[in-house]
Amino acid sequence: MAKRYLANNESLIKKALYLRLMAEDIADGMKSGNFRSLYRGQGIEFAGVRDYMRGDDIRTIDWNVTARMGRPYIKIFEEERELQIFLIVDSSLSMQLENTGGRRTKYAAAAETAALVAIAAEINSCPTGAVFFDGAIHFSCEPSLGKENTMQILNHLDRLPATTVTGSVLQNAITAAAKVLRKRTLVFILSDFRSGGWEKPLINLSQKNDVIAINLHDENDDELPSLGTVTFKDAESGIKMNLPTSSPAFKKEWRNFNEMNQTRWQDFCIKHGVMPVVLDTKTEPVQVLNQIFTRKARAR
């Protein structure tokens, strides 16, 4: 199928080396704080030796070191740990709208954020899976290891389907993720949550996984530019409406409506054990991700 590239987003593939450098700190953060509890044992790894103490199992004595040092030493083993990551990324039309400040779109910010998480996961040898969607699911993969998997994810983040399907199937994407995740996983949802029906699937997903919901936000969510009466078309439904953008009363209602929706969303997430994070398009995603892991580390 033909693909179309994001006009206002430098290729993530071309930025991969730069992103990898920024992802180093994020990778360290993944191993800190409460996220350590998500690591699952995958085997036993030799960690070193120590002096033998009364009561130690003699079967763990390292006879080579003991003979060399002249006193008994035992082997120390650690359980190998593995954290699984899953990305749910919204590329619906509301995420692709250009903003008045000329900054990156919500989707461009979401794509870079997802790319940083995927690269950090690769650095930590964490299996990573994903589902990307607009009005239909257009890419999905189960958690897997390796650079090839990371590049596949970046490639699909970089490029959108030739034709965007209107609407948003956020609820389907969350449901699909819950079905493929067979063990507790750290799930990132990147969306503006401008759709309905995702609440119950999100509750179900959060009951068996750690979920971080990242709500993409730009300046038009706070205030529209004063352009007089303008005809607006809803990107998802196609409904048209004339709005008085220069009216102080309308500006106040617009701002209050969006603030109310964001507060409702945050309260819902907190109530159901989901970490709510707001990512503004003018903020660098690496800053927000580092703050996320710092918050979890302090929560211990």
Protein backbone atom coordinates (compact mmCIF):
# COMPACT_ATOMS: atom_id res chain seq x y z
CA MET A 1 0.00 0.00 0.00
CA ALA A 2 1.24 3.51 -0.71
CA LYS A 3 2.22 5.53 2.31
CA ARG A 4 2.27 9.23 3.05
CA TYR A 5 4.90 10.83 5.26
CA LEU A 6 4.24 13.46 7.89
CA ALA A 7 4.92 16.88 6.42
CA ASN A 8 5.91 18.55 9.69
CA ASN A 9 7.86 15.70 11.25
CA GLU A 10 11.47 14.91 10.43
CA SER A 11 11.83 11.21 9.69
CA LEU A 12 12.18 9.18 12.87
CA ILE A 13 14.40 6.74 11.01
CA LYS A 14 16.78 9.58 10.11
CA LYS A 15 16.66 10.82 13.72
CA ALA A 16 17.22 7.32 15.16
CA LEU A 17 20.79 7.98 16.36
CA TYR A 18 19.77 11.27 18.00
CA LEU A 19 16.73 9.62 19.58
CA ARG A 20 18.89 6.75 20.84
CA LEU A 21 21.12 9.21 22.69
CA MET A 22 18.09 10.83 24.32
CA ALA A 23 16.62 7.41 25.16
CA GLU A 24 19.60 6.42 27.34
CA ASP A 25 18.24 8.26 30.42
CA ILE A 26 14.74 6.95 29.75
CA ALA A 27 16.15 3.41 29.65
CA ASP A 28 17.74 3.96 33.06
CA GLY A 29 14.43 5.29 34.38
CA MET A 30 12.59 2.17 33.24
CA LYS A 31 14.71 0.15 35.66
CA SER A 32 14.03 2.42 38.64
CA GLY A 33 11.18 2.99 41.04
CA ASN A 34 7.99 0.98 40.95
CA PHE A 35 8.67 -0.20 37.40
CA ARG A 36 11.10 -2.74 38.87
CA SER A 37 8.07 -4.66 40.12
CA LEU A 38 7.03 -5.21 36.49
CA TYR A 39 10.20 -7.09 35.63
CA ARG A 40 9.51 -10.79 35.34
CA GLY A 41 11.98 -13.61 35.94
CA GLN A 42 13.23 -15.22 32.75
CA GLY A 43 16.03 -17.44 34.12
CA ILE A 44 19.09 -17.45 36.36
CA GLU A 45 22.22 -15.40 35.77
CA PHE A 46 25.61 -15.71 37.51
CA ALA A 47 26.28 -12.52 39.48
CA GLY A 48 29.56 -13.22 41.32
CA VAL A 49 30.93 -14.89 44.46
CA ARG A 50 31.08 -14.19 48.20
CA ASP A 51 32.60 -15.77 51.29
CA TYR A 52 30.99 -19.00 52.44
CA MET A 53 28.88 -18.58 55.59
CA ARG A 54 27.59 -21.27 57.91
CA GLY A 55 24.28 -22.60 56.63
CA ASP A 56 25.03 -21.92 52.92
CA ASP A 57 24.28 -24.76 50.50
CA ILE A 58 27.58 -26.52 49.84
CA ARG A 59 26.38 -27.23 46.30
CA THR A 60 26.87 -23.52 45.53
CA ILE A 61 30.57 -23.53 46.47
CA ASP A 62 32.79 -22.25 43.66
CA TRP A 63 35.62 -24.77 43.93
CA ASN A 64 37.89 -22.96 41.48
CA VAL A 65 37.80 -19.69 43.46
CA THR A 66 37.98 -21.60 46.75
CA ALA A 67 41.15 -23.42 45.64
CA ARG A 68 42.71 -20.19 44.36
CA MET A 69 41.90 -18.10 47.46
CA GLY A 70 42.48 -20.78 50.07
CA ARG A 71 39.09 -20.32 51.74
CA PRO A 72 35.55 -21.27 50.68
CA TYR A 73 33.50 -19.04 48.34
CA ILE A 74 29.98 -19.60 47.01
CA LYS A 75 28.41 -18.55 43.73
CA ILE A 76 25.75 -15.84 43.72
CA PHE A 77 22.96 -15.96 41.18
CA GLU A 78 20.35 -13.37 40.23
CA GLU A 79 17.08 -13.89 38.47
CA GLU A 80 17.20 -12.37 35.00
CA ARG A 81 14.58 -9.69 34.63
CA GLU A 82 12.50 -8.60 31.68
CA LEU A 83 10.05 -5.70 31.33
CA GLN A 84 7.51 -5.88 28.53
CA ILE A 85 6.37 -2.68 26.77
CA PHE A 86 3.32 -2.02 24.60
CA LEU A 87 2.49 1.14 22.60
CA ILE A 88 -1.02 2.24 21.57
CA VAL A 89 -0.75 5.23 19.23
CA ASP A 90 -3.62 7.31 17.78
CA SER A 91 -3.14 8.78 14.28
CA SER A 92 -6.75 9.89 13.75
CA LEU A 93 -7.50 13.17 11.96
CA SER A 94 -7.83 15.17 15.18
CA MET A 95 -4.23 14.15 15.97
CA GLN A 96 -3.02 15.35 12.55
CA LEU A 97 -4.53 18.86 12.57
CA GLU A 98 -2.04 21.67 12.02
CA ASN A 99 -1.95 24.18 14.88
CA THR A 100 -1.78 27.95 14.53
CA GLY A 101 1.68 28.19 16.06
CA GLY A 102 3.26 26.14 13.30
CA ARG A 103 4.52 23.62 15.82
CA ARG A 104 4.44 19.87 15.41
CA THR A 105 1.05 18.19 15.27
CA LYS A 106 -0.23 16.08 18.13
CA TYR A 107 0.56 12.99 16.10
CA ALA A 108 4.15 14.09 15.45
CA ALA A 109 4.65 14.57 19.20
CA ALA A 110 3.04 11.20 19.92
CA ALA A 111 5.18 9.45 17.30
CA GLU A 112 8.43 10.83 18.72
CA THR A 113 7.35 9.87 22.23
CA ALA A 114 6.54 6.33 21.12
CA ALA A 115 9.87 6.11 19.26
CA LEU A 116 11.80 7.12 22.38
CA VAL A 117 10.00 4.48 24.46
CA ALA A 118 10.65 1.80 21.83
CA ILE A 119 14.37 2.64 21.62
CA ALA A 120 14.72 2.77 25.42
CA ALA A 121 13.03 -0.63 25.61
CA GLU A 122 15.48 -2.03 23.05
CA ILE A 123 18.42 -0.69 25.09
CA ASN A 124 17.05 -2.57 28.11
CA SER A 125 16.35 -5.73 26.06
CA CYS A 126 12.63 -5.36 26.73
CA PRO A 127 10.15 -6.96 24.30
CA THR A 128 8.03 -4.23 22.68
CA GLY A 129 4.72 -4.48 20.85
CA ALA A 130 2.37 -1.92 19.38
CA VAL A 131 -0.98 -1.12 17.81
CA PHE A 132 -1.44 2.02 15.65
CA PHE A 133 -4.86 3.22 14.57
CA ASP A 134 -7.11 5.96 13.22
CA GLY A 135 -10.66 4.99 12.24
CA ALA A 136 -9.26 1.48 11.79
CA ILE A 137 -6.29 -0.46 13.12
CA HIS A 138 -3.55 -0.19 10.48
CA PHE A 139 -0.59 -1.80 12.28
CA SER A 140 -0.11 -4.20 15.16
CA CYS A 141 2.63 -6.47 16.43
CA GLU A 142 3.02 -8.62 19.52
CA PRO A 143 5.90 -7.83 21.92
CA SER A 144 9.23 -8.86 20.45
CA LEU A 145 12.93 -8.22 21.03
CA GLY A 146 15.63 -6.73 18.86
CA LYS A 147 16.69 -3.78 16.74
CA GLU A 148 14.74 -5.08 13.75
CA ASN A 149 11.54 -4.90 15.77
CA THR A 150 12.37 -1.35 16.89
CA MET A 151 13.03 -0.22 13.31
CA GLN A 152 9.75 -1.77 12.18
CA ILE A 153 7.90 0.24 14.84
CA LEU A 154 9.72 3.47 13.89
CA ASN A 155 9.00 2.85 10.22
CA HIS A 156 5.26 2.54 10.86
CA LEU A 157 5.30 5.59 13.15
CA ASP A 158 7.03 7.54 10.39
CA ARG A 159 4.49 6.71 7.73
CA LEU A 160 0.71 6.87 7.74
CA PRO A 161 -1.72 4.89 5.54
CA ALA A 162 -2.32 6.45 2.12
CA THR A 163 -5.93 7.13 3.16
CA THR A 164 -6.92 8.03 6.71
CA VAL A 165 -10.11 6.33 7.87
CA THR A 166 -12.26 8.91 9.65
CA GLY A 167 -13.19 8.43 13.27
CA SER A 168 -11.21 6.75 16.03
CA VAL A 169 -11.17 3.12 17.15
CA LEU A 170 -9.33 3.82 20.40
CA GLN A 171 -11.61 1.40 22.25
CA ASN A 172 -10.83 -1.38 19.74
CA ALA A 173 -7.10 -0.72 19.99
CA ILE A 174 -7.18 -0.96 23.79
CA THR A 175 -9.27 -4.13 23.63
CA ALA A 176 -6.87 -5.67 21.08
CA ALA A 177 -3.90 -4.87 23.33
CA ALA A 178 -5.55 -6.52 26.33
CA LYS A 179 -6.09 -9.69 24.30
CA VAL A 180 -2.47 -10.10 23.15
CA LEU A 181 -0.78 -9.25 26.48
CA ARG A 182 -0.33 -12.53 28.34
CA LYS A 183 1.71 -11.15 31.23
CA ARG A 184 1.78 -7.87 33.11
CA THR A 185 3.01 -5.14 30.76
CA LEU A 186 3.84 -1.43 30.86
CA VAL A 187 1.38 0.08 28.36
CA PHE A 188 1.63 3.58 26.87
CA ILE A 189 -1.52 5.05 25.29
CA LEU A 190 -0.84 8.14 23.18
CA SER A 191 -4.03 9.90 22.07
CA ASP A 192 -6.07 13.08 22.47
CA PHE A 193 -8.92 10.83 23.71
CA ARG A 194 -11.41 12.69 21.49
CA SER A 195 -13.68 9.70 21.02
CA GLY A 196 -16.10 7.66 23.08
CA GLY A 197 -16.36 4.12 24.34
CA TRP A 198 -12.74 3.73 25.53
CA GLU A 199 -13.50 3.92 29.24
CA LYS A 200 -14.52 0.30 29.93
CA PRO A 201 -11.71 -1.22 27.79
CA LEU A 202 -9.23 1.03 29.63
CA ILE A 203 -10.51 -0.19 33.00
CA ASN A 204 -10.10 -3.80 31.88
CA LEU A 205 -6.59 -3.15 30.54
CA SER A 206 -5.45 -1.42 33.73
CA GLN A 207 -6.58 -4.29 35.95
CA LYS A 208 -3.81 -6.56 34.65
CA ASN A 209 -1.23 -4.05 33.42
CA ASP A 210 0.48 -0.78 34.37
CA VAL A 211 -0.96 1.87 32.05
CA ILE A 212 0.34 5.36 31.30
CA ALA A 213 -2.20 7.45 29.37
CA ILE A 214 -0.55 10.37 27.55
CA ASN A 215 -3.08 12.97 26.42
CA LEU A 216 -1.79 15.09 23.52
CA HIS A 217 -2.62 18.78 23.84
CA ASP A 218 -1.92 21.93 21.81
CA GLU A 219 -2.64 25.65 22.15
CA ASN A 220 -5.90 25.43 20.19
CA ASP A 221 -7.31 23.32 23.01
CA ASP A 222 -6.94 26.37 25.25
CA GLU A 223 -7.84 29.23 22.94
CA LEU A 224 -8.65 29.72 19.28
CA PRO A 225 -7.12 32.67 17.38
CA SER A 226 -9.42 35.66 16.84
CA LEU A 227 -10.45 35.29 13.20
CA GLY A 228 -14.06 36.44 13.35
CA THR A 229 -16.83 34.02 12.43
CA VAL A 230 -15.22 30.91 10.93
CA THR A 231 -16.73 27.74 9.53
CA PHE A 232 -15.28 24.74 11.36
CA LYS A 233 -15.51 21.15 10.18
CA ASP A 234 -15.15 18.29 12.65
CA ALA A 235 -12.32 16.14 11.33
CA GLU A 236 -13.89 12.94 12.58
CA SER A 237 -17.63 13.37 11.90
CA GLY A 238 -17.59 15.91 9.05
CA ILE A 239 -20.12 18.13 10.87
CA LYS A 240 -19.76 21.84 10.00
CA MET A 241 -20.46 24.76 12.33
CA ASN A 242 -19.95 28.55 12.26
CA LEU A 243 -18.12 29.71 15.39
CA PRO A 244 -17.48 33.31 16.53
CA THR A 245 -13.78 32.99 17.32
CA SER A 246 -13.39 36.67 18.26
CA SER A 247 -16.18 36.61 20.86
CA PRO A 248 -14.87 36.81 24.47
CA ALA A 249 -17.87 34.77 25.65
CA PHE A 250 -17.19 32.05 23.08
CA LYS A 251 -13.46 32.00 23.94
CA LYS A 252 -14.34 31.52 27.60
CA GLU A 253 -16.77 28.69 26.84
CA TRP A 254 -14.21 27.01 24.56
CA ARG A 255 -11.54 27.16 27.26
CA ASN A 256 -13.89 25.99 30.03
CA PHE A 257 -15.19 23.09 27.95
CA ASN A 258 -11.71 21.78 27.20
CA GLU A 259 -10.54 22.24 30.79
CA MET A 260 -13.62 20.35 32.03
CA ASN A 261 -12.96 17.46 29.64
CA GLN A 262 -9.32 17.26 30.66
CA THR A 263 -10.19 17.29 34.36
CA ARG A 264 -12.79 14.57 33.85
CA TRP A 265 -10.25 12.47 31.94
CA GLN A 266 -7.59 12.89 34.64
CA ASP A 267 -10.02 12.00 37.43
CA PHE A 268 -11.14 8.90 35.54
CA CYS A 269 -7.55 7.71 35.03
CA ILE A 270 -6.58 8.24 38.67
CA LYS A 271 -9.71 6.47 39.89
CA HIS A 272 -8.86 3.37 37.87
CA GLY A 273 -5.13 3.21 38.54
CA VAL A 274 -3.97 4.71 35.24
CA MET A 275 -1.20 7.36 35.28
CA PRO A 276 -2.53 10.46 33.44
CA VAL A 277 0.07 12.59 31.65
CA VAL A 278 -0.59 15.67 29.50
CA LEU A 279 1.91 16.24 26.68
CA ASP A 280 1.76 19.66 25.04
CA THR A 281 3.03 19.87 21.45
CA LYS A 282 5.46 22.63 22.47
CA THR A 283 7.10 20.39 25.08
CA GLU A 284 9.92 18.00 24.21
CA PRO A 285 8.71 14.39 24.66
CA VAL A 286 12.01 13.34 26.30
CA GLN A 287 11.34 15.79 29.15
CA VAL A 288 7.90 14.35 29.79
CA LEU A 289 9.14 10.75 29.69
CA ASN A 290 11.94 11.50 32.14
CA GLN A 291 9.39 13.12 34.45
CA ILE A 292 7.18 10.03 34.23
CA PHE A 293 9.92 7.72 35.42
CA THR A 294 11.08 10.18 38.07
CA ARG A 295 7.52 10.28 39.46
CA LYS A 296 7.43 6.49 39.64
CA ALA A 297 10.82 6.34 41.35
CA ARG A 298 9.71 8.85 44.01
CA ALA A 299 6.51 6.88 44.58
CA ARG A 300 8.41 4.00 46.21
